[in-house]
């Protein structure tokens, strides 16, 4: 079972693509199928100049991550405030 989990999460090489004269590239069909990329899919492009890498990711994935991170931050702030109040109550006795 662990082997299947690793296989599912392991990076996959989908092939290569060439940038055309207009700066366009083709995402291999298998990658489009696996990631459900359709002509209307919004992708964000990130890059790292020093390492020469580019990354494509679905826009809604980034939005979902940011929303989840905001909820986690709010929960941490509530916990911090709760612990601070608890400490003040015990410190005043």
C-alpha atoms as a PDB file:
ATOM      1  CA  UNK A   1       0.000   0.000   0.000  1.00  0.00           C
ATOM      2  CA  UNK A   2       2.863   2.414   0.776  1.00  0.00           C
ATOM      3  CA  UNK A   3       4.250   1.787  -2.704  1.00  0.00           C
ATOM      4  CA  UNK A   4       0.975   2.964  -4.240  1.00  0.00           C
ATOM      5  CA  UNK A   5       0.944   6.132  -2.115  1.00  0.00           C
ATOM      6  CA  UNK A   6       4.493   6.943  -3.188  1.00  0.00           C
ATOM      7  CA  UNK A   7       3.697   6.277  -6.832  1.00  0.00           C
ATOM      8  CA  UNK A   8       0.669   8.575  -6.646  1.00  0.00           C
ATOM      9  CA  UNK A   9       2.667  11.421  -5.029  1.00  0.00           C
ATOM     10  CA  UNK A  10       5.905  11.008  -6.980  1.00  0.00           C
ATOM     11  CA  UNK A  11       6.781  13.636  -9.605  1.00  0.00           C
ATOM     12  CA  UNK A  12       6.066  12.506 -13.138  1.00  0.00           C
ATOM     13  CA  UNK A  13       7.864  13.395 -16.358  1.00  0.00           C
ATOM     14  CA  UNK A  14       5.314  14.161 -19.079  1.00  0.00           C
ATOM     15  CA  UNK A  15       7.698  14.853 -21.939  1.00  0.00           C
ATOM     16  CA  UNK A  16       9.094  18.007 -23.454  1.00  0.00           C
ATOM     17  CA  UNK A  17       7.697  20.995 -25.289  1.00  0.00           C
ATOM     18  CA  UNK A  18       9.185  23.761 -27.407  1.00  0.00           C
ATOM     19  CA  UNK A  19       8.327  27.427 -27.085  1.00  0.00           C
ATOM     20  CA  UNK A  20       6.971  28.756 -30.363  1.00  0.00           C
ATOM     21  CA  UNK A  21       7.777  32.087 -32.014  1.00  0.00           C
ATOM     22  CA  UNK A  22       4.826  33.747 -30.267  1.00  0.00           C
ATOM     23  CA  UNK A  23       6.006  32.525 -26.837  1.00  0.00           C
ATOM     24  CA  UNK A  24       3.399  29.780 -26.637  1.00  0.00           C
ATOM     25  CA  UNK A  25       3.981  26.216 -25.553  1.00  0.00           C
ATOM     26  CA  UNK A  26       1.934  23.045 -25.665  1.00  0.00           C
ATOM     27  CA  UNK A  27       1.242  21.155 -22.448  1.00  0.00           C
ATOM     28  CA  UNK A  28       1.426  17.427 -23.222  1.00  0.00           C
ATOM     29  CA  UNK A  29      -2.002  15.775 -23.588  1.00  0.00           C
ATOM     30  CA  UNK A  30      -1.400  13.287 -20.749  1.00  0.00           C
ATOM     31  CA  UNK A  31      -0.568  16.136 -18.349  1.00  0.00           C
ATOM     32  CA  UNK A  32      -3.685  18.032 -19.452  1.00  0.00           C
ATOM     33  CA  UNK A  33      -5.783  14.916 -18.800  1.00  0.00           C
ATOM     34  CA  UNK A  34      -4.168  14.152 -15.417  1.00  0.00           C
ATOM     35  CA  UNK A  35      -4.574  17.742 -14.206  1.00  0.00           C
ATOM     36  CA  UNK A  36      -7.904  18.391 -15.951  1.00  0.00           C
ATOM     37  CA  UNK A  37      -6.510  21.363 -17.874  1.00  0.00           C
ATOM     38  CA  UNK A  38      -9.002  22.626 -20.442  1.00  0.00           C
ATOM     39  CA  UNK A  39      -8.830  25.641 -22.786  1.00  0.00           C
ATOM     40  CA  UNK A  40     -10.512  27.804 -20.103  1.00  0.00           C
ATOM     41  CA  UNK A  41      -8.206  26.728 -17.240  1.00  0.00           C
ATOM     42  CA  UNK A  42      -6.416  29.674 -15.596  1.00  0.00           C
ATOM     43  CA  UNK A  43      -2.759  28.891 -14.808  1.00  0.00           C
ATOM     44  CA  UNK A  44      -0.287  30.976 -12.851  1.00  0.00           C
ATOM     45  CA  UNK A  45       3.380  30.985 -13.855  1.00  0.00           C
ATOM     46  CA  UNK A  46       6.107  31.275 -11.219  1.00  0.00           C
ATOM     47  CA  UNK A  47       9.825  31.318 -11.842  1.00  0.00           C
ATOM     48  CA  UNK A  48      13.196  31.370 -10.163  1.00  0.00           C
ATOM     49  CA  UNK A  49      15.766  33.282 -12.209  1.00  0.00           C
ATOM     50  CA  UNK A  50      18.874  31.937 -10.518  1.00  0.00           C
ATOM     51  CA  UNK A  51      17.853  28.293 -10.954  1.00  0.00           C
ATOM     52  CA  UNK A  52      16.116  28.792 -14.306  1.00  0.00           C
ATOM     53  CA  UNK A  53      12.965  26.988 -13.213  1.00  0.00           C
ATOM     54  CA  UNK A  54       9.366  27.705 -14.094  1.00  0.00           C
ATOM     55  CA  UNK A  55       6.289  26.320 -12.393  1.00  0.00           C
ATOM     56  CA  UNK A  56       2.710  26.268 -13.614  1.00  0.00           C
ATOM     57  CA  UNK A  57      -0.128  25.848 -11.152  1.00  0.00           C
ATOM     58  CA  UNK A  58      -3.884  26.212 -11.299  1.00  0.00           C
ATOM     59  CA  UNK A  59      -5.045  29.624 -10.074  1.00  0.00           C
ATOM     60  CA  UNK A  60      -7.739  28.138  -7.825  1.00  0.00           C
ATOM     61  CA  UNK A  61      -5.144  25.922  -6.152  1.00  0.00           C
ATOM     62  CA  UNK A  62      -3.220  28.991  -5.014  1.00  0.00           C
ATOM     63  CA  UNK A  63      -6.436  30.690  -3.897  1.00  0.00           C
ATOM     64  CA  UNK A  64      -7.457  27.613  -1.894  1.00  0.00           C
ATOM     65  CA  UNK A  65      -4.006  27.447  -0.276  1.00  0.00           C
ATOM     66  CA  UNK A  66      -4.151  31.128   0.695  1.00  0.00           C
ATOM     67  CA  UNK A  67      -7.654  30.702   2.159  1.00  0.00           C
ATOM     68  CA  UNK A  68      -6.507  27.668   4.159  1.00  0.00           C
ATOM     69  CA  UNK A  69      -3.415  29.534   5.386  1.00  0.00           C
ATOM     70  CA  UNK A  70      -5.587  32.478   6.502  1.00  0.00           C
ATOM     71  CA  UNK A  71      -7.840  30.145   8.523  1.00  0.00           C
ATOM     72  CA  UNK A  72      -4.774  28.572  10.141  1.00  0.00           C
ATOM     73  CA  UNK A  73      -3.386  32.023  11.016  1.00  0.00           C
ATOM     74  CA  UNK A  74      -6.716  33.059  12.548  1.00  0.00           C
ATOM     75  CA  UNK A  75      -6.804  29.873  14.631  1.00  0.00           C
ATOM     76  CA  UNK A  76      -3.230  30.436  15.817  1.00  0.00           C
ATOM     77  CA  UNK A  77      -4.070  34.022  16.792  1.00  0.00           C
ATOM     78  CA  UNK A  78      -7.107  32.809  18.766  1.00  0.00           C
ATOM     79  CA  UNK A  79      -4.961  30.212  20.527  1.00  0.00           C
ATOM     80  CA  UNK A  80      -2.264  32.796  21.288  1.00  0.00           C
ATOM     81  CA  UNK A  81      -4.846  35.223  22.685  1.00  0.00           C
ATOM     82  CA  UNK A  82      -6.436  32.441  24.742  1.00  0.00           C
ATOM     83  CA  UNK A  83      -3.070  31.430  26.199  1.00  0.00           C
ATOM     84  CA  UNK A  84      -2.208  35.074  26.871  1.00  0.00           C
ATOM     85  CA  UNK A  85      -5.517  35.611  28.721  1.00  0.00           C
ATOM     86  CA  UNK A  86      -4.997  32.393  30.691  1.00  0.00           C
ATOM     87  CA  UNK A  87      -1.512  33.508  31.669  1.00  0.00           C
ATOM     88  CA  UNK A  88      -2.771  36.923  32.766  1.00  0.00           C
ATOM     89  CA  UNK A  89      -5.471  35.287  34.901  1.00  0.00           C
ATOM     90  CA  UNK A  90      -2.957  33.032  36.638  1.00  0.00           C
ATOM     91  CA  UNK A  91      -0.423  35.824  36.964  1.00  0.00           C
ATOM     92  CA  UNK A  92      -2.844  38.171  38.743  1.00  0.00           C
ATOM     93  CA  UNK A  93      -3.510  35.688  41.590  1.00  0.00           C
END
